């Protein structure tokens, strides 16, 4: 077992937590509550442990496993996981920057988005790790099937998912934003 790789992944997550704290991100929801699941699309989104967007972080893990396996073919799994945690952590820091928060507000349906709580960011890293570990143990078809099911579930329930999130952040489409807002 690659203990160094797993330890490195934990240290990267802890450093990310400290950086988010230094960025003045709220530790928990400013509402003062901690919910295991927050299913509503409102100001509590991205503030609690899990929400509909947690599904996209599981998909990150599936994709990062595939990418790390290609790039670090001979590296032990722990080091591959450390790379995945590094990428996910970098996204969590970037996602909570004023630039990306404003981008979400102007280009997507997340009009009142204020960034993630530290608790939610750490949970997002954990969700990515779950996806990564699932992909490491499951056959390829199961990882692909899980990714498709999670994308379609989020699309059906909240009219948003990882694919639309990437599209709307990089190349906003008014027709998609209008369709999402009709929920």
Protein backbone atom coordinates (compact mmCIF):
# COMPACT_ATOMS: atom_id res chain seq x y z
CA UNK A 1 0.00 0.00 0.00
CA UNK A 2 1.24 3.47 -0.90
CA UNK A 3 0.90 5.21 2.48
CA UNK A 4 2.89 8.22 1.32
CA UNK A 5 0.47 8.90 -1.50
CA UNK A 6 -2.57 8.66 0.77
CA UNK A 7 -0.86 10.84 3.39
CA UNK A 8 -0.02 13.38 0.69
CA UNK A 9 -3.69 13.43 -0.39
CA UNK A 10 -4.75 14.12 3.21
CA UNK A 11 -2.14 16.89 3.55
CA UNK A 12 -3.29 18.51 0.30
CA UNK A 13 -6.90 18.49 1.53
CA UNK A 14 -5.84 19.97 4.88
CA UNK A 15 -3.83 22.69 3.13
CA UNK A 16 -6.85 23.46 0.94
CA UNK A 17 -8.98 23.83 4.07
CA UNK A 18 -6.46 26.29 5.49
CA UNK A 19 -6.31 28.27 2.24
CA UNK A 20 -10.11 28.51 2.10
CA UNK A 21 -10.10 29.72 5.70
CA UNK A 22 -7.52 32.38 4.76
CA UNK A 23 -9.79 33.35 1.83
CA UNK A 24 -12.46 34.13 4.47
CA UNK A 25 -14.81 31.39 3.29
CA UNK A 26 -17.43 30.61 5.95
CA UNK A 27 -16.67 27.36 7.79
CA UNK A 28 -20.33 26.27 7.64
CA UNK A 29 -23.52 27.70 6.20
CA UNK A 30 -24.04 31.27 7.39
CA UNK A 31 -27.54 30.12 8.35
CA UNK A 32 -25.88 28.44 11.34
CA UNK A 33 -27.11 24.94 10.48
CA UNK A 34 -25.30 21.90 9.12
CA UNK A 35 -27.39 19.61 6.93
CA UNK A 36 -26.26 16.25 5.60
CA UNK A 37 -28.31 16.83 2.41
CA UNK A 38 -29.60 20.13 1.02
CA UNK A 39 -31.74 19.36 -2.01
CA UNK A 40 -33.22 22.81 -2.64
CA UNK A 41 -31.75 25.18 -5.21
CA UNK A 42 -31.49 28.23 -2.99
CA UNK A 43 -28.93 30.14 -0.92
CA UNK A 44 -28.21 26.97 1.09
CA UNK A 45 -26.79 25.30 -1.99
CA UNK A 46 -23.05 24.59 -1.71
CA UNK A 47 -23.20 25.41 1.99
CA UNK A 48 -23.92 22.04 3.57
CA UNK A 49 -22.35 18.59 3.40
CA UNK A 50 -24.02 17.41 0.21
CA UNK A 51 -26.35 18.72 -2.48
CA UNK A 52 -27.19 17.95 -6.10
CA UNK A 53 -23.83 19.30 -7.21
CA UNK A 54 -22.07 16.69 -5.07
CA UNK A 55 -22.91 14.24 -7.87
CA UNK A 56 -20.63 16.16 -10.23
CA UNK A 57 -17.75 15.79 -7.77
CA UNK A 58 -18.21 12.01 -7.75
CA UNK A 59 -17.94 12.22 -11.56
CA UNK A 60 -14.74 14.26 -11.15
CA UNK A 61 -13.35 11.30 -9.24
CA UNK A 62 -14.31 8.85 -11.98
CA UNK A 63 -12.66 11.06 -14.60
CA UNK A 64 -9.58 11.84 -12.49
CA UNK A 65 -9.02 8.14 -11.87
CA UNK A 66 -9.05 7.50 -15.62
CA UNK A 67 -6.74 10.43 -16.27
CA UNK A 68 -4.32 9.55 -13.47
CA UNK A 69 -4.20 5.96 -14.65
CA UNK A 70 -3.21 7.16 -18.12
CA UNK A 71 -0.70 9.79 -17.00
CA UNK A 72 0.79 7.92 -14.02
CA UNK A 73 0.50 4.38 -15.33
CA UNK A 74 3.25 2.97 -13.10
CA UNK A 75 2.55 5.08 -10.02
CA UNK A 76 0.86 3.50 -7.00
CA UNK A 77 -2.81 4.27 -6.46
CA UNK A 78 -2.11 6.55 -3.48
CA UNK A 79 -0.01 8.87 -5.61
CA UNK A 80 -2.65 8.89 -8.29
CA UNK A 81 -5.20 9.83 -5.64
CA UNK A 82 -2.90 12.60 -4.39
CA UNK A 83 -2.82 14.03 -7.92
CA UNK A 84 -6.62 13.84 -8.13
CA UNK A 85 -6.99 15.56 -4.73
CA UNK A 86 -4.55 18.25 -5.88
CA UNK A 87 -6.62 18.95 -9.00
CA UNK A 88 -9.92 18.90 -7.09
CA UNK A 89 -8.44 21.16 -4.39
CA UNK A 90 -7.18 23.61 -6.99
CA UNK A 91 -10.72 23.74 -8.41
CA UNK A 92 -12.23 24.33 -4.96
CA UNK A 93 -9.86 27.25 -4.40
CA UNK A 94 -10.51 28.68 -7.87
CA UNK A 95 -14.27 28.08 -7.58
CA UNK A 96 -14.33 30.23 -4.45
CA UNK A 97 -12.38 33.10 -5.98
CA UNK A 98 -14.26 36.33 -6.66
CA UNK A 99 -13.75 35.86 -10.42
CA UNK A 100 -15.46 32.44 -10.59
CA UNK A 101 -18.19 33.38 -8.11
CA UNK A 102 -19.05 36.37 -10.31
CA UNK A 103 -18.85 34.18 -13.42
CA UNK A 104 -21.40 31.78 -11.91
CA UNK A 105 -23.68 34.70 -11.11
CA UNK A 106 -23.54 36.22 -14.60
CA UNK A 107 -23.26 33.17 -16.87
CA UNK A 108 -25.39 30.54 -15.15
CA UNK A 109 -28.69 30.26 -13.29
CA UNK A 110 -26.83 30.54 -9.94
CA UNK A 111 -27.83 34.18 -9.49
CA UNK A 112 -27.37 34.26 -5.71
CA UNK A 113 -24.30 32.04 -5.61
CA UNK A 114 -21.81 33.21 -2.98
CA UNK A 115 -19.31 30.37 -3.12
CA UNK A 116 -18.97 27.25 -1.02
CA UNK A 117 -18.64 26.91 2.72
CA UNK A 118 -15.42 25.23 3.81
CA UNK A 119 -17.49 22.25 4.94
CA UNK A 120 -18.98 21.90 1.45
CA UNK A 121 -15.60 22.26 -0.25
CA UNK A 122 -14.12 19.54 1.97
CA UNK A 123 -17.14 17.37 1.24
CA UNK A 124 -16.66 17.98 -2.50
CA UNK A 125 -13.08 16.72 -2.17
CA UNK A 126 -14.44 13.71 -0.28
CA UNK A 127 -17.06 13.05 -2.98
CA UNK A 128 -14.35 13.18 -5.64
CA UNK A 129 -12.32 10.71 -3.57
CA UNK A 130 -15.31 8.36 -3.38
CA UNK A 131 -15.67 8.49 -7.16
CA UNK A 132 -11.94 7.88 -7.60
CA UNK A 133 -11.93 4.88 -5.23
CA UNK A 134 -15.05 3.47 -6.89
CA UNK A 135 -13.39 3.69 -10.30
CA UNK A 136 -10.24 2.07 -8.91
CA UNK A 137 -12.20 -1.03 -7.84
CA UNK A 138 -15.07 -1.26 -10.32
CA UNK A 139 -14.97 -2.45 -13.90
CA UNK A 140 -14.82 0.31 -16.51
CA UNK A 141 -18.43 -0.27 -17.60
CA UNK A 142 -19.63 0.31 -14.02
CA UNK A 143 -17.77 3.63 -13.77
CA UNK A 144 -19.15 4.77 -17.12
CA UNK A 145 -22.66 3.70 -16.12
CA UNK A 146 -22.41 5.47 -12.76
CA UNK A 147 -21.21 8.68 -14.44
CA UNK A 148 -24.10 8.60 -16.91
CA UNK A 149 -26.68 7.87 -14.19
CA UNK A 150 -25.40 10.72 -12.01
CA UNK A 151 -25.38 13.18 -14.94
CA UNK A 152 -28.91 12.21 -15.98
CA UNK A 153 -30.24 12.29 -12.39
CA UNK A 154 -28.99 15.84 -11.84
CA UNK A 155 -30.27 16.89 -15.26
CA UNK A 156 -33.72 15.46 -14.53
CA UNK A 157 -34.05 16.97 -11.06
CA UNK A 158 -32.27 20.34 -11.23
CA UNK A 159 -31.76 20.88 -14.98
CA UNK A 160 -28.03 21.12 -14.38
CA UNK A 161 -25.08 18.75 -14.25
CA UNK A 162 -21.33 18.68 -14.78
CA UNK A 163 -21.61 18.90 -18.56
CA UNK A 164 -23.94 21.91 -18.50
CA UNK A 165 -21.94 23.52 -15.71
CA UNK A 166 -18.76 23.40 -17.80
CA UNK A 167 -20.60 24.61 -20.91
CA UNK A 168 -22.30 27.51 -19.15
CA UNK A 169 -19.10 28.65 -17.42
CA UNK A 170 -17.04 28.57 -20.60
CA UNK A 171 -19.57 29.34 -23.35
CA UNK A 172 -22.93 30.51 -21.94
CA UNK A 173 -25.94 29.70 -24.10
CA UNK A 174 -29.00 31.87 -23.48
CA UNK A 175 -31.44 29.13 -24.54
CA UNK A 176 -29.96 26.74 -21.96
CA UNK A 177 -30.02 29.36 -19.21
CA UNK A 178 -33.69 30.12 -20.04
CA UNK A 179 -34.56 26.41 -19.97
CA UNK A 180 -32.75 25.96 -16.63
CA UNK A 181 -34.48 28.99 -15.13
CA UNK A 182 -37.92 27.59 -16.01
CA UNK A 183 -37.58 25.02 -13.21
